[in-house]
Amino acid sequence: MIAEGFVVNNATVYISGRNAEDGKQTAEELNHLGKGKAFYIQADFYKEEDIYRLVAELSKRETSRLHFISPLLFIPRRLM
């Protein structure tokens, strides 16, 4: 998992998905791997309002800059 490498190397990682239970468990497992931190934010990428909510939440939490978005992320072209 891409997130593992980041957490092991002291990065802050946000993971997202539809299943809150799985997402929270994954973040917890990642937090035991290294010096970095992992957080889960629930979002369904097929729902436009969830994408906007995710962006708003990330904007509140990270005020400087975003360094990487996983290439596995699908964002509908009309929202770009």
N, C-alpha and C. Protein backbone atom coordinates (compact mmCIF):
# COMPACT_ATOMS: atom_id res chain seq x y z
N MET A 1 0.84 -1.18 0.00
CA MET A 1 0.00 0.00 0.00
C MET A 1 0.89 1.24 0.00
N ILE A 2 0.56 2.18 -0.81
CA ILE A 2 1.31 3.42 -0.92
C ILE A 2 1.38 4.13 0.43
N ALA A 3 0.26 4.14 1.14
CA ALA A 3 0.17 4.85 2.42
C ALA A 3 1.19 4.33 3.43
N GLU A 4 1.48 3.04 3.41
CA GLU A 4 2.44 2.47 4.36
C GLU A 4 3.80 3.14 4.24
N GLY A 5 4.26 3.29 3.01
CA GLY A 5 5.56 3.91 2.79
C GLY A 5 5.62 5.34 3.29
N PHE A 6 4.55 6.06 3.12
CA PHE A 6 4.51 7.44 3.61
C PHE A 6 4.52 7.49 5.13
N VAL A 7 3.69 6.67 5.78
CA VAL A 7 3.61 6.68 7.24
C VAL A 7 4.94 6.26 7.85
N VAL A 8 5.56 5.24 7.30
CA VAL A 8 6.85 4.78 7.81
C VAL A 8 7.89 5.89 7.73
N ASN A 9 7.76 6.76 6.74
CA ASN A 9 8.72 7.85 6.54
C ASN A 9 8.22 9.18 7.09
N ASN A 10 7.36 9.12 8.11
CA ASN A 10 6.98 10.28 8.89
C ASN A 10 6.02 11.26 8.20
N ALA A 11 5.23 10.77 7.26
CA ALA A 11 4.27 11.65 6.58
C ALA A 11 2.89 11.55 7.23
N THR A 12 2.10 12.57 7.01
CA THR A 12 0.70 12.54 7.39
C THR A 12 -0.09 12.05 6.18
N VAL A 13 -0.93 11.05 6.40
CA VAL A 13 -1.66 10.40 5.32
C VAL A 13 -3.15 10.44 5.61
N TYR A 14 -3.92 10.75 4.60
CA TYR A 14 -5.38 10.69 4.70
C TYR A 14 -5.86 9.61 3.76
N ILE A 15 -6.68 8.71 4.27
CA ILE A 15 -7.28 7.70 3.42
C ILE A 15 -8.78 7.94 3.42
N SER A 16 -9.43 7.52 2.35
CA SER A 16 -10.85 7.78 2.23
C SER A 16 -11.51 6.63 1.52
N GLY A 17 -12.78 6.44 1.81
CA GLY A 17 -13.58 5.40 1.17
C GLY A 17 -14.98 5.41 1.73
N ARG A 18 -15.79 4.48 1.24
CA ARG A 18 -17.19 4.43 1.66
C ARG A 18 -17.39 3.72 2.99
N ASN A 19 -16.56 2.75 3.30
CA ASN A 19 -16.77 1.93 4.49
C ASN A 19 -16.00 2.49 5.68
N ALA A 20 -16.71 3.13 6.59
CA ALA A 20 -16.08 3.80 7.73
C ALA A 20 -15.34 2.81 8.63
N GLU A 21 -15.93 1.65 8.87
CA GLU A 21 -15.28 0.67 9.75
C GLU A 21 -13.94 0.22 9.19
N ASP A 22 -13.91 -0.13 7.91
CA ASP A 22 -12.65 -0.54 7.27
C ASP A 22 -11.64 0.59 7.24
N GLY A 23 -12.12 1.79 6.93
CA GLY A 23 -11.22 2.94 6.85
C GLY A 23 -10.58 3.27 8.18
N LYS A 24 -11.38 3.26 9.23
CA LYS A 24 -10.83 3.55 10.57
C LYS A 24 -9.85 2.47 11.00
N GLN A 25 -10.15 1.22 10.68
CA GLN A 25 -9.24 0.13 11.03
C GLN A 25 -7.93 0.25 10.26
N THR A 26 -8.01 0.59 9.00
CA THR A 26 -6.80 0.77 8.19
C THR A 26 -5.95 1.90 8.74
N ALA A 27 -6.58 3.02 9.09
CA ALA A 27 -5.83 4.15 9.65
C ALA A 27 -5.15 3.74 10.95
N GLU A 28 -5.85 2.99 11.77
CA GLU A 28 -5.27 2.53 13.03
C GLU A 28 -4.06 1.63 12.80
N GLU A 29 -4.18 0.72 11.85
CA GLU A 29 -3.05 -0.16 11.52
C GLU A 29 -1.86 0.64 10.99
N LEU A 30 -2.13 1.62 10.15
CA LEU A 30 -1.05 2.45 9.62
C LEU A 30 -0.36 3.23 10.73
N ASN A 31 -1.11 3.68 11.71
CA ASN A 31 -0.53 4.46 12.80
C ASN A 31 0.43 3.66 13.67
N HIS A 32 0.40 2.36 13.57
CA HIS A 32 1.32 1.52 14.33
C HIS A 32 2.62 1.23 13.57
N LEU A 33 2.72 1.71 12.34
CA LEU A 33 3.87 1.37 11.50
C LEU A 33 5.08 2.28 11.65
N GLY A 34 4.86 3.51 11.97
CA GLY A 34 6.00 4.42 11.97
C GLY A 34 5.70 5.72 12.68
N LYS A 35 6.49 6.71 12.34
CA LYS A 35 6.40 8.01 13.00
C LYS A 35 5.29 8.88 12.42
N GLY A 36 4.83 8.57 11.23
CA GLY A 36 3.79 9.37 10.59
C GLY A 36 2.43 9.13 11.21
N LYS A 37 1.44 9.79 10.66
CA LYS A 37 0.07 9.65 11.15
C LYS A 37 -0.87 9.39 9.99
N ALA A 38 -1.89 8.58 10.25
CA ALA A 38 -2.90 8.29 9.24
C ALA A 38 -4.27 8.66 9.79
N PHE A 39 -5.09 9.24 8.93
CA PHE A 39 -6.45 9.64 9.28
C PHE A 39 -7.41 9.13 8.22
N TYR A 40 -8.61 8.83 8.63
CA TYR A 40 -9.65 8.38 7.70
C TYR A 40 -10.75 9.43 7.60
N ILE A 41 -11.17 9.71 6.38
CA ILE A 41 -12.31 10.58 6.13
C ILE A 41 -13.24 9.82 5.20
N GLN A 42 -14.46 9.59 5.64
CA GLN A 42 -15.41 8.83 4.84
C GLN A 42 -15.90 9.66 3.66
N ALA A 43 -15.91 9.04 2.48
CA ALA A 43 -16.43 9.69 1.28
C ALA A 43 -16.70 8.63 0.21
N ASP A 44 -17.77 8.82 -0.50
CA ASP A 44 -18.13 7.98 -1.64
C ASP A 44 -17.81 8.79 -2.89
N PHE A 45 -16.82 8.36 -3.65
CA PHE A 45 -16.36 9.14 -4.80
C PHE A 45 -17.33 9.14 -5.97
N TYR A 46 -18.42 8.38 -5.85
CA TYR A 46 -19.46 8.43 -6.87
C TYR A 46 -20.52 9.48 -6.53
N LYS A 47 -20.37 10.11 -5.38
CA LYS A 47 -21.30 11.16 -4.96
C LYS A 47 -20.58 12.50 -4.96
N GLU A 48 -21.03 13.38 -5.81
CA GLU A 48 -20.38 14.68 -5.96
C GLU A 48 -20.29 15.43 -4.63
N GLU A 49 -21.35 15.40 -3.84
CA GLU A 49 -21.34 16.11 -2.56
C GLU A 49 -20.29 15.55 -1.60
N ASP A 50 -20.02 14.25 -1.67
CA ASP A 50 -18.98 13.66 -0.82
C ASP A 50 -17.59 14.13 -1.22
N ILE A 51 -17.38 14.31 -2.52
CA ILE A 51 -16.08 14.81 -2.98
C ILE A 51 -15.85 16.23 -2.47
N TYR A 52 -16.87 17.06 -2.57
CA TYR A 52 -16.75 18.43 -2.07
C TYR A 52 -16.52 18.45 -0.56
N ARG A 53 -17.22 17.57 0.16
CA ARG A 53 -17.07 17.50 1.62
C ARG A 53 -15.66 17.05 1.99
N LEU A 54 -15.12 16.08 1.24
CA LEU A 54 -13.75 15.60 1.48
C LEU A 54 -12.74 16.72 1.26
N VAL A 55 -12.90 17.45 0.18
CA VAL A 55 -11.99 18.57 -0.11
C VAL A 55 -12.09 19.63 0.98
N ALA A 56 -13.29 19.93 1.43
CA ALA A 56 -13.47 20.92 2.49
C ALA A 56 -12.81 20.46 3.78
N GLU A 57 -12.96 19.19 4.11
CA GLU A 57 -12.36 18.65 5.34
C GLU A 57 -10.84 18.67 5.26
N LEU A 58 -10.29 18.29 4.12
CA LEU A 58 -8.83 18.34 3.95
C LEU A 58 -8.33 19.78 4.04
N SER A 59 -9.08 20.71 3.48
CA SER A 59 -8.69 22.12 3.52
C SER A 59 -8.66 22.66 4.94
N LYS A 60 -9.56 22.18 5.79
CA LYS A 60 -9.57 22.60 7.19
C LYS A 60 -8.38 22.03 7.95
N ARG A 61 -8.06 20.79 7.65
CA ARG A 61 -7.01 20.09 8.40
C ARG A 61 -5.60 20.45 7.95
N GLU A 62 -5.44 20.68 6.67
CA GLU A 62 -4.11 20.94 6.10
C GLU A 62 -4.12 22.32 5.46
N THR A 63 -3.51 23.27 6.13
CA THR A 63 -3.56 24.65 5.64
C THR A 63 -2.38 25.03 4.75
N SER A 64 -1.35 24.20 4.69
CA SER A 64 -0.20 24.58 3.87
C SER A 64 -0.34 24.07 2.44
N ARG A 65 -0.17 22.77 2.23
CA ARG A 65 -0.29 22.23 0.87
C ARG A 65 -0.48 20.73 0.91
N LEU A 66 -1.00 20.22 -0.19
CA LEU A 66 -1.18 18.79 -0.38
C LEU A 66 -0.09 18.32 -1.32
N HIS A 67 0.65 17.29 -0.91
CA HIS A 67 1.81 16.86 -1.69
C HIS A 67 1.53 15.72 -2.67
N PHE A 68 0.50 14.92 -2.39
CA PHE A 68 0.32 13.73 -3.21
C PHE A 68 -1.12 13.24 -3.12
N ILE A 69 -1.68 12.87 -4.25
CA ILE A 69 -2.97 12.19 -4.29
C ILE A 69 -2.73 10.88 -5.03
N SER A 70 -3.20 9.80 -4.46
CA SER A 70 -2.97 8.49 -5.05
C SER A 70 -3.50 8.43 -6.48
N PRO A 71 -2.74 7.82 -7.37
CA PRO A 71 -3.21 7.69 -8.75
C PRO A 71 -4.41 6.75 -8.86
N LEU A 72 -4.74 6.05 -7.80
CA LEU A 72 -5.89 5.16 -7.82
C LEU A 72 -7.19 5.92 -7.60
N LEU A 73 -7.07 7.18 -7.27
CA LEU A 73 -8.23 8.01 -7.01
C LEU A 73 -8.88 8.41 -8.32
N PHE A 74 -10.19 8.25 -8.38
CA PHE A 74 -10.94 8.66 -9.57
C PHE A 74 -11.76 9.88 -9.22
N ILE A 75 -11.55 10.95 -9.95
CA ILE A 75 -12.35 12.15 -9.80
C ILE A 75 -13.03 12.41 -11.14
N PRO A 76 -14.34 12.49 -11.15
CA PRO A 76 -15.02 12.75 -12.43
C PRO A 76 -14.46 14.01 -13.10
N ARG A 77 -14.25 13.93 -14.39
CA ARG A 77 -13.62 15.01 -15.14
C ARG A 77 -14.36 16.35 -14.98
N ARG A 78 -15.68 16.31 -14.86
CA ARG A 78 -16.45 17.55 -14.76
C ARG A 78 -16.17 18.31 -13.47
N LEU A 79 -15.56 17.63 -12.47
CA LEU A 79 -15.25 18.29 -11.20
C LEU A 79 -13.83 18.83 -11.15
N MET A 80 -13.06 18.60 -12.18
CA MET A 80 -11.66 19.05 -12.18
C MET A 80 -11.55 20.49 -12.63
